[in-house]
Protein backbone atom coordinates (compact mmCIF):
# COMPACT_ATOMS: atom_id res chain seq x y z
CA MET A 1 -33.82 -121.23 13.99
CA SER A 2 -37.21 -122.82 14.31
CA PRO A 3 -37.95 -126.29 12.67
CA PRO A 4 -40.03 -126.41 9.79
CA GLY A 5 -43.90 -126.42 10.23
CA HIS A 6 -43.38 -124.41 13.58
CA VAL A 7 -45.76 -121.48 14.00
CA ASN A 8 -43.44 -118.45 14.64
CA GLN A 9 -44.34 -115.11 16.28
CA ILE A 10 -43.32 -112.40 14.17
CA PHE A 11 -43.54 -108.55 14.91
CA LEU A 12 -42.90 -106.33 11.71
CA SER A 13 -42.73 -102.58 11.48
CA LEU A 14 -44.28 -101.15 8.50
CA GLY A 15 -43.59 -97.48 7.16
CA SER A 16 -44.98 -95.52 4.26
CA ASN A 17 -44.69 -91.87 2.69
CA ILE A 18 -46.20 -92.64 -0.81
CA GLU A 19 -49.95 -93.18 -0.73
CA PRO A 20 -49.42 -94.40 2.72
CA GLU A 21 -52.92 -95.35 3.66
CA GLN A 22 -53.07 -97.48 0.61
CA HIS A 23 -49.87 -99.02 0.99
CA LEU A 24 -50.16 -100.11 4.57
CA GLN A 25 -53.59 -101.53 3.93
CA GLN A 26 -52.28 -103.79 1.08
CA VAL A 27 -49.15 -104.93 2.86
CA LEU A 28 -51.60 -105.98 5.68
CA GLN A 29 -53.83 -107.83 3.42
CA GLU A 30 -50.48 -109.47 1.91
CA LEU A 31 -49.24 -110.25 5.17
CA ALA A 32 -52.43 -112.14 6.27
CA GLN A 33 -51.71 -114.64 3.49
CA LEU A 34 -48.77 -115.59 5.17
CA GLY A 35 -50.45 -116.74 8.27
CA SER A 36 -52.64 -115.09 11.17
CA VAL A 37 -52.47 -111.59 12.02
CA ARG A 38 -52.92 -111.72 15.32
CA ALA A 39 -52.53 -107.65 16.25
CA VAL A 40 -52.19 -104.49 14.42
CA SER A 41 -51.26 -101.35 16.33
CA SER A 42 -52.85 -97.82 15.57
CA VAL A 43 -51.13 -95.72 12.87
CA TYR A 44 -48.72 -93.24 13.94
CA GLU A 45 -47.50 -90.35 11.74
CA SER A 46 -43.68 -89.30 12.14
CA SER A 47 -41.70 -86.86 10.31
CA ALA A 48 -39.40 -88.29 7.43
CA LEU A 49 -35.67 -88.97 8.67
CA GLY A 50 -32.81 -87.75 6.89
CA ARG A 51 -34.64 -85.64 4.77
CA ALA A 52 -37.21 -82.51 5.62
CA ASP A 53 -38.47 -82.53 1.78
CA GLN A 54 -40.75 -85.14 1.86
CA PRO A 55 -43.83 -85.98 3.30
CA PRO A 56 -44.36 -87.67 6.81
CA TYR A 57 -44.56 -91.42 7.37
CA LEU A 58 -47.21 -93.46 8.52
CA ASN A 59 -46.05 -96.23 10.62
CA ALA A 60 -47.59 -99.30 12.54
CA VAL A 61 -46.66 -102.61 13.94
CA VAL A 62 -48.00 -106.08 13.02
CA HIS A 63 -47.87 -109.28 15.10
CA LEU A 64 -47.90 -112.24 12.64
CA GLU A 65 -47.93 -115.80 13.36
CA ALA A 66 -46.47 -117.81 10.51
CA GLU A 67 -44.71 -120.93 9.28
CA VAL A 68 -41.97 -119.01 7.84
CA ASP A 69 -38.45 -118.93 8.65
CA ALA A 70 -36.49 -115.73 9.63
CA ARG A 71 -33.92 -116.02 6.67
CA ASP A 72 -36.66 -116.74 4.02
CA LEU A 73 -38.62 -113.78 5.52
CA ILE A 74 -35.77 -111.33 5.37
CA CYS A 75 -33.99 -112.44 2.24
CA ARG A 76 -37.05 -113.29 0.08
CA LEU A 77 -40.68 -112.73 1.42
CA ILE A 78 -40.20 -109.15 2.59
CA PRO A 79 -38.09 -107.83 -0.50
CA GLU A 80 -40.87 -109.52 -2.78
CA LEU A 81 -43.56 -107.83 -0.97
CA GLU A 82 -42.07 -104.31 -1.10
CA GLY A 83 -41.44 -104.85 -4.72
CA ARG A 84 -44.87 -105.93 -5.39
CA LEU A 85 -45.94 -102.60 -3.71
CA GLY A 86 -43.72 -100.42 -5.69
CA ARG A 87 -40.82 -99.99 -3.48
CA VAL A 88 -37.61 -99.57 -5.54
CA ARG A 89 -34.24 -99.41 -3.37
CA THR A 90 -31.96 -96.60 -4.13
CA ALA A 91 -28.52 -95.27 -2.87
CA ASP A 92 -30.65 -92.73 -0.68
CA LYS A 93 -31.70 -94.78 2.23
CA TYR A 94 -34.01 -91.88 3.22
CA ALA A 95 -35.95 -91.81 -0.24
CA PRO A 96 -39.51 -91.59 -0.27
CA ARG A 97 -41.19 -95.21 -0.31
CA PRO A 98 -44.54 -96.74 -0.78
CA ILE A 99 -43.58 -99.44 1.77
CA ASP A 100 -41.03 -100.19 4.07
CA ILE A 101 -41.11 -103.43 6.13
CA ASP A 102 -38.41 -104.59 8.81
CA LEU A 103 -38.60 -107.55 11.09
CA LEU A 104 -38.62 -106.47 14.41
CA LEU A 105 -38.93 -110.05 16.56
CA PHE A 106 -38.77 -113.49 15.48
CA ASN A 107 -39.95 -115.49 18.56
CA GLU A 108 -37.76 -114.70 21.60
CA GLU A 109 -34.68 -115.14 19.36
CA VAL A 110 -31.45 -113.31 18.94
CA LEU A 111 -30.47 -113.65 15.61
CA GLU A 112 -28.05 -112.31 12.79
CA VAL A 113 -29.52 -113.15 9.35
CA ALA A 114 -28.13 -111.54 6.27
CA GLY A 115 -26.60 -108.45 7.87
CA HIS A 116 -29.93 -107.90 9.98
CA SER A 117 -29.78 -107.96 13.66
CA ILE A 118 -33.09 -109.65 15.36
CA PRO A 119 -34.39 -108.02 17.58
CA SER A 120 -34.06 -105.27 15.50
CA PRO A 121 -32.11 -101.97 17.05
CA GLU A 122 -34.65 -99.52 15.91
CA ILE A 123 -36.91 -101.16 18.75
CA ARG A 124 -34.44 -98.96 21.02
CA GLU A 125 -33.76 -96.28 18.57
CA ARG A 126 -37.10 -95.17 16.96
CA SER A 127 -39.94 -93.76 18.54
CA PHE A 128 -42.06 -94.79 15.47
CA VAL A 129 -41.22 -98.36 16.11
CA ALA A 130 -41.21 -98.25 20.04
CA TRP A 131 -44.53 -97.12 20.70
CA PRO A 132 -46.77 -99.16 18.06
CA LEU A 133 -44.52 -102.13 19.40
CA ALA A 134 -45.56 -101.36 23.19
CA GLU A 135 -49.04 -100.91 22.14
CA ILE A 136 -49.61 -104.10 20.69
CA ALA A 137 -47.15 -106.05 23.13
CA PRO A 138 -46.81 -103.70 26.32
CA THR A 139 -45.79 -106.69 28.60
CA ARG A 140 -43.59 -108.60 26.29
CA VAL A 141 -39.68 -108.32 27.33
CA HIS A 142 -37.06 -107.26 24.97
CA PRO A 143 -34.86 -110.75 24.48
CA LEU A 144 -31.48 -108.61 25.07
CA GLU A 145 -32.85 -105.44 27.24
CA GLY A 146 -34.81 -107.44 29.87
CA ARG A 147 -37.43 -104.59 30.07
CA THR A 148 -40.70 -104.50 28.71
CA PHE A 149 -41.61 -102.77 25.58
CA ARG A 150 -43.93 -100.42 27.29
CA GLU A 151 -40.67 -99.32 29.41
CA ILE A 152 -38.50 -99.06 26.02
CA ALA A 153 -41.35 -96.95 24.46
CA SER A 154 -41.83 -94.86 27.72
CA ALA A 155 -37.84 -93.60 26.94
CA PHE A 156 -39.36 -91.64 23.85
CA ASP A 157 -41.06 -88.49 23.80
CA PRO A 158 -44.77 -89.52 22.79
CA ARG A 159 -44.79 -85.75 21.28
CA ALA A 160 -42.70 -86.97 18.51
CA LEU A 161 -45.50 -89.05 17.03
CA THR A 162 -48.87 -88.19 16.34
CA ARG A 163 -51.40 -91.32 16.78
CA ARG A 164 -54.02 -91.40 13.66
CA PRO A 165 -57.44 -92.92 14.78
CA ASP A 166 -58.65 -91.62 11.60
CA ILE A 167 -56.95 -94.57 9.96
CA GLN A 168 -57.91 -97.96 10.82
CA LEU A 169 -55.92 -100.69 9.42
CA THR A 170 -57.58 -104.34 8.96
CA ALA A 171 -56.34 -107.74 7.96
CA GLY A 172 -58.40 -110.17 6.02
CA ARG A 173 -58.01 -112.79 8.59
CA LEU A 174 -57.37 -110.96 11.96
CA GLY A 175 -56.81 -113.35 14.58
CA ALA A 176 -59.30 -113.68 17.52
CA GLU A 177 -56.91 -112.51 20.16
CA SER A 178 -56.16 -109.20 18.49
CA GLY A 179 -55.09 -106.44 20.85
CA SER A 180 -55.18 -109.00 23.76
CA GLU A 181 -52.25 -107.56 25.41
CA GLY A 182 -53.85 -104.40 25.60
CA ARG A 183 -53.19 -100.77 24.11
CA LEU A 184 -51.45 -97.57 25.34
CA ARG A 185 -53.30 -94.64 25.82
């Protein structure tokens, strides 16, 4: 893992289906306190996994530059942030939630941290992760796959998601290069 004081390139997946517009914006403001938010994807709507009896999710991906360690992020910072925003973990892994934050990428590193694989397998398994990630980092290469995130996203049917241009997320300290890698249309 990175030495102390090193600025890390971190990609996080955000999801919510309880007051999602409010919670996604709140979490983005909180993340901006950790470092510099370099890019935020569009917001995408997807059906809830596992249970049809709940509202759809709103999802986004954020690129954060911060001097935080992957272990601290997974074991302390993400759970604390989710807790502050009202997330209560239950035995039902498909339960509705105000916020879900997942570490997708940490620099170009391949890690196992506290039972979490980095890069996250969800990049290859979930359209609501792959498409927003490809939107803000289309030419970045998956450390294990050797394919770009645009190539990975293109394997998913884009009709499984609804892009929500009516919802704009902004960070208090959005980096000057936001969206510099381009956007998918």
